[in-house]
């Protein structure tokens, strides 16, 4: 009977060690997964920041182009050269009373 008790205690101790090893490996895998996720997230954030810089530069360029296209000097130049418009004489201006 004493041998059976020792055998049972050995099995219990072996089971405890197996559980400890499983828990340690589980923690190791969890830690590794967290670090990999952290690194991937940091990489994605860096990529999105680069995209944001490119889009900001593109938006700035479009804004400058819009300002250039809407400038009064450019509109006056196109009106006089391409459309053959002239500035009206003061006698040609008609004022309407409201």
C-alpha atoms as a PDB file:
ATOM      1  CA  UNK A   1       0.000   0.000   0.000  1.00  0.00           C
ATOM      2  CA  UNK A   2       2.898   2.293   0.736  1.00  0.00           C
ATOM      3  CA  UNK A   3       4.135   1.789  -2.841  1.00  0.00           C
ATOM      4  CA  UNK A   4       0.729   2.697  -4.213  1.00  0.00           C
ATOM      5  CA  UNK A   5       0.718   5.945  -2.217  1.00  0.00           C
ATOM      6  CA  UNK A   6       4.217   6.827  -3.457  1.00  0.00           C
ATOM      7  CA  UNK A   7       3.235   5.981  -7.019  1.00  0.00           C
ATOM      8  CA  UNK A   8       0.138   8.168  -6.706  1.00  0.00           C
ATOM      9  CA  UNK A   9       2.196  11.016  -5.235  1.00  0.00           C
ATOM     10  CA  UNK A  10       4.742  10.667  -8.073  1.00  0.00           C
ATOM     11  CA  UNK A  11       1.906  10.902 -10.636  1.00  0.00           C
ATOM     12  CA  UNK A  12       0.490  13.953  -8.876  1.00  0.00           C
ATOM     13  CA  UNK A  13       3.922  15.605  -8.756  1.00  0.00           C
ATOM     14  CA  UNK A  14       4.515  14.738 -12.431  1.00  0.00           C
ATOM     15  CA  UNK A  15       1.118  16.199 -13.303  1.00  0.00           C
ATOM     16  CA  UNK A  16       1.928  19.393 -11.418  1.00  0.00           C
ATOM     17  CA  UNK A  17       5.222  19.770 -13.287  1.00  0.00           C
ATOM     18  CA  UNK A  18       3.477  19.194 -16.598  1.00  0.00           C
ATOM     19  CA  UNK A  19       0.887  21.879 -15.695  1.00  0.00           C
ATOM     20  CA  UNK A  20       3.660  24.312 -14.710  1.00  0.00           C
ATOM     21  CA  UNK A  21       5.497  23.667 -17.984  1.00  0.00           C
ATOM     22  CA  UNK A  22       2.268  24.067 -19.996  1.00  0.00           C
ATOM     23  CA  UNK A  23       1.499  27.341 -18.207  1.00  0.00           C
ATOM     24  CA  UNK A  24       5.046  28.633 -18.808  1.00  0.00           C
ATOM     25  CA  UNK A  25       4.913  27.745 -22.505  1.00  0.00           C
ATOM     26  CA  UNK A  26       1.461  29.326 -22.740  1.00  0.00           C
ATOM     27  CA  UNK A  27       2.787  32.529 -21.205  1.00  0.00           C
ATOM     28  CA  UNK A  28       5.768  32.440 -23.557  1.00  0.00           C
ATOM     29  CA  UNK A  29       3.519  32.086 -26.608  1.00  0.00           C
ATOM     30  CA  UNK A  30       1.187  34.801 -25.336  1.00  0.00           C
ATOM     31  CA  UNK A  31       4.117  37.165 -24.749  1.00  0.00           C
ATOM     32  CA  UNK A  32       5.527  36.410 -28.205  1.00  0.00           C
ATOM     33  CA  UNK A  33       2.139  36.972 -29.840  1.00  0.00           C
ATOM     34  CA  UNK A  34       1.747  40.300 -28.024  1.00  0.00           C
ATOM     35  CA  UNK A  35       5.198  41.491 -29.111  1.00  0.00           C
ATOM     36  CA  UNK A  36       4.593  40.471 -32.728  1.00  0.00           C
ATOM     37  CA  UNK A  37       1.214  42.251 -32.698  1.00  0.00           C
ATOM     38  CA  UNK A  38       2.826  45.318 -31.149  1.00  0.00           C
ATOM     39  CA  UNK A  39       5.533  45.372 -33.829  1.00  0.00           C
ATOM     40  CA  UNK A  40       3.019  44.873 -36.661  1.00  0.00           C
ATOM     41  CA  UNK A  41       0.821  47.646 -35.300  1.00  0.00           C
ATOM     42  CA  UNK A  42       3.800  49.997 -35.081  1.00  0.00           C
ATOM     43  CA  UNK A  43       4.724  49.155 -38.669  1.00  0.00           C
ATOM     44  CA  UNK A  44       1.156  49.810 -39.863  1.00  0.00           C
ATOM     45  CA  UNK A  45       1.094  53.136 -37.997  1.00  0.00           C
ATOM     46  CA  UNK A  46       4.363  54.143 -39.698  1.00  0.00           C
ATOM     47  CA  UNK A  47       2.923  53.239 -43.107  1.00  0.00           C
ATOM     48  CA  UNK A  48      -0.243  55.240 -42.460  1.00  0.00           C
ATOM     49  CA  UNK A  49       1.802  58.249 -41.313  1.00  0.00           C
ATOM     50  CA  UNK A  50       3.741  58.118 -44.590  1.00  0.00           C
ATOM     51  CA  UNK A  51       0.474  57.928 -46.527  1.00  0.00           C
ATOM     52  CA  UNK A  52      -0.806  60.897 -44.547  1.00  0.00           C
ATOM     53  CA  UNK A  53       2.308  62.927 -45.437  1.00  0.00           C
ATOM     54  CA  UNK A  54       1.866  62.109 -49.127  1.00  0.00           C
ATOM     55  CA  UNK A  55      -1.828  63.012 -49.037  1.00  0.00           C
ATOM     56  CA  UNK A  56      -1.096  66.253 -47.165  1.00  0.00           C
ATOM     57  CA  UNK A  57       1.463  67.246 -49.806  1.00  0.00           C
ATOM     58  CA  UNK A  58      -1.032  66.369 -52.546  1.00  0.00           C
ATOM     59  CA  UNK A  59      -3.762  68.420 -50.820  1.00  0.00           C
ATOM     60  CA  UNK A  60      -1.400  71.383 -50.486  1.00  0.00           C
ATOM     61  CA  UNK A  61      -0.463  71.130 -54.162  1.00  0.00           C
ATOM     62  CA  UNK A  62      -4.140  71.009 -55.158  1.00  0.00           C
ATOM     63  CA  UNK A  63      -4.901  74.014 -52.981  1.00  0.00           C
ATOM     64  CA  UNK A  64      -2.092  76.009 -54.587  1.00  0.00           C
ATOM     65  CA  UNK A  65      -3.282  74.981 -58.056  1.00  0.00           C
ATOM     66  CA  UNK A  66      -6.832  76.029 -57.159  1.00  0.00           C
ATOM     67  CA  UNK A  67      -5.602  79.414 -55.935  1.00  0.00           C
ATOM     68  CA  UNK A  68      -3.595  79.860 -59.125  1.00  0.00           C
ATOM     69  CA  UNK A  69      -6.549  78.968 -61.353  1.00  0.00           C
ATOM     70  CA  UNK A  70      -8.896  81.323 -59.524  1.00  0.00           C
ATOM     71  CA  UNK A  71      -6.527  84.306 -59.413  1.00  0.00           C
ATOM     72  CA  UNK A  72      -8.086  87.512 -60.778  1.00  0.00           C
ATOM     73  CA  UNK A  73      -5.012  88.222 -62.910  1.00  0.00           C
ATOM     74  CA  UNK A  74      -5.310  84.881 -64.686  1.00  0.00           C
ATOM     75  CA  UNK A  75      -9.049  85.314 -65.245  1.00  0.00           C
ATOM     76  CA  UNK A  76      -8.499  88.826 -66.636  1.00  0.00           C
ATOM     77  CA  UNK A  77      -5.729  87.534 -68.912  1.00  0.00           C
ATOM     78  CA  UNK A  78      -7.920  84.737 -70.295  1.00  0.00           C
ATOM     79  CA  UNK A  79     -10.853  87.113 -70.729  1.00  0.00           C
ATOM     80  CA  UNK A  80      -8.815  89.585 -72.755  1.00  0.00           C
ATOM     81  CA  UNK A  81      -6.660  87.193 -74.802  1.00  0.00           C
ATOM     82  CA  UNK A  82      -8.817  84.140 -75.464  1.00  0.00           C
ATOM     83  CA  UNK A  83     -12.317  85.567 -75.214  1.00  0.00           C
ATOM     84  CA  UNK A  84     -11.521  88.978 -76.673  1.00  0.00           C
ATOM     85  CA  UNK A  85     -13.345  90.778 -73.893  1.00  0.00           C
ATOM     86  CA  UNK A  86     -12.521  94.371 -73.023  1.00  0.00           C
ATOM     87  CA  UNK A  87     -13.060  96.488 -69.959  1.00  0.00           C
ATOM     88  CA  UNK A  88     -16.260  98.517 -70.537  1.00  0.00           C
ATOM     89  CA  UNK A  89     -16.105 102.279 -70.826  1.00  0.00           C
ATOM     90  CA  UNK A  90     -17.817 104.225 -68.054  1.00  0.00           C
ATOM     91  CA  UNK A  91     -20.528 105.227 -70.519  1.00  0.00           C
ATOM     92  CA  UNK A  92     -21.297 101.568 -71.235  1.00  0.00           C
ATOM     93  CA  UNK A  93     -22.029 100.748 -67.584  1.00  0.00           C
ATOM     94  CA  UNK A  94     -25.706 100.756 -66.703  1.00  0.00           C
ATOM     95  CA  UNK A  95     -26.690 101.125 -63.064  1.00  0.00           C
ATOM     96  CA  UNK A  96     -30.030  99.740 -61.931  1.00  0.00           C
ATOM     97  CA  UNK A  97     -32.001 101.185 -59.066  1.00  0.00           C
ATOM     98  CA  UNK A  98     -33.416  98.755 -56.637  1.00  0.00           C
END
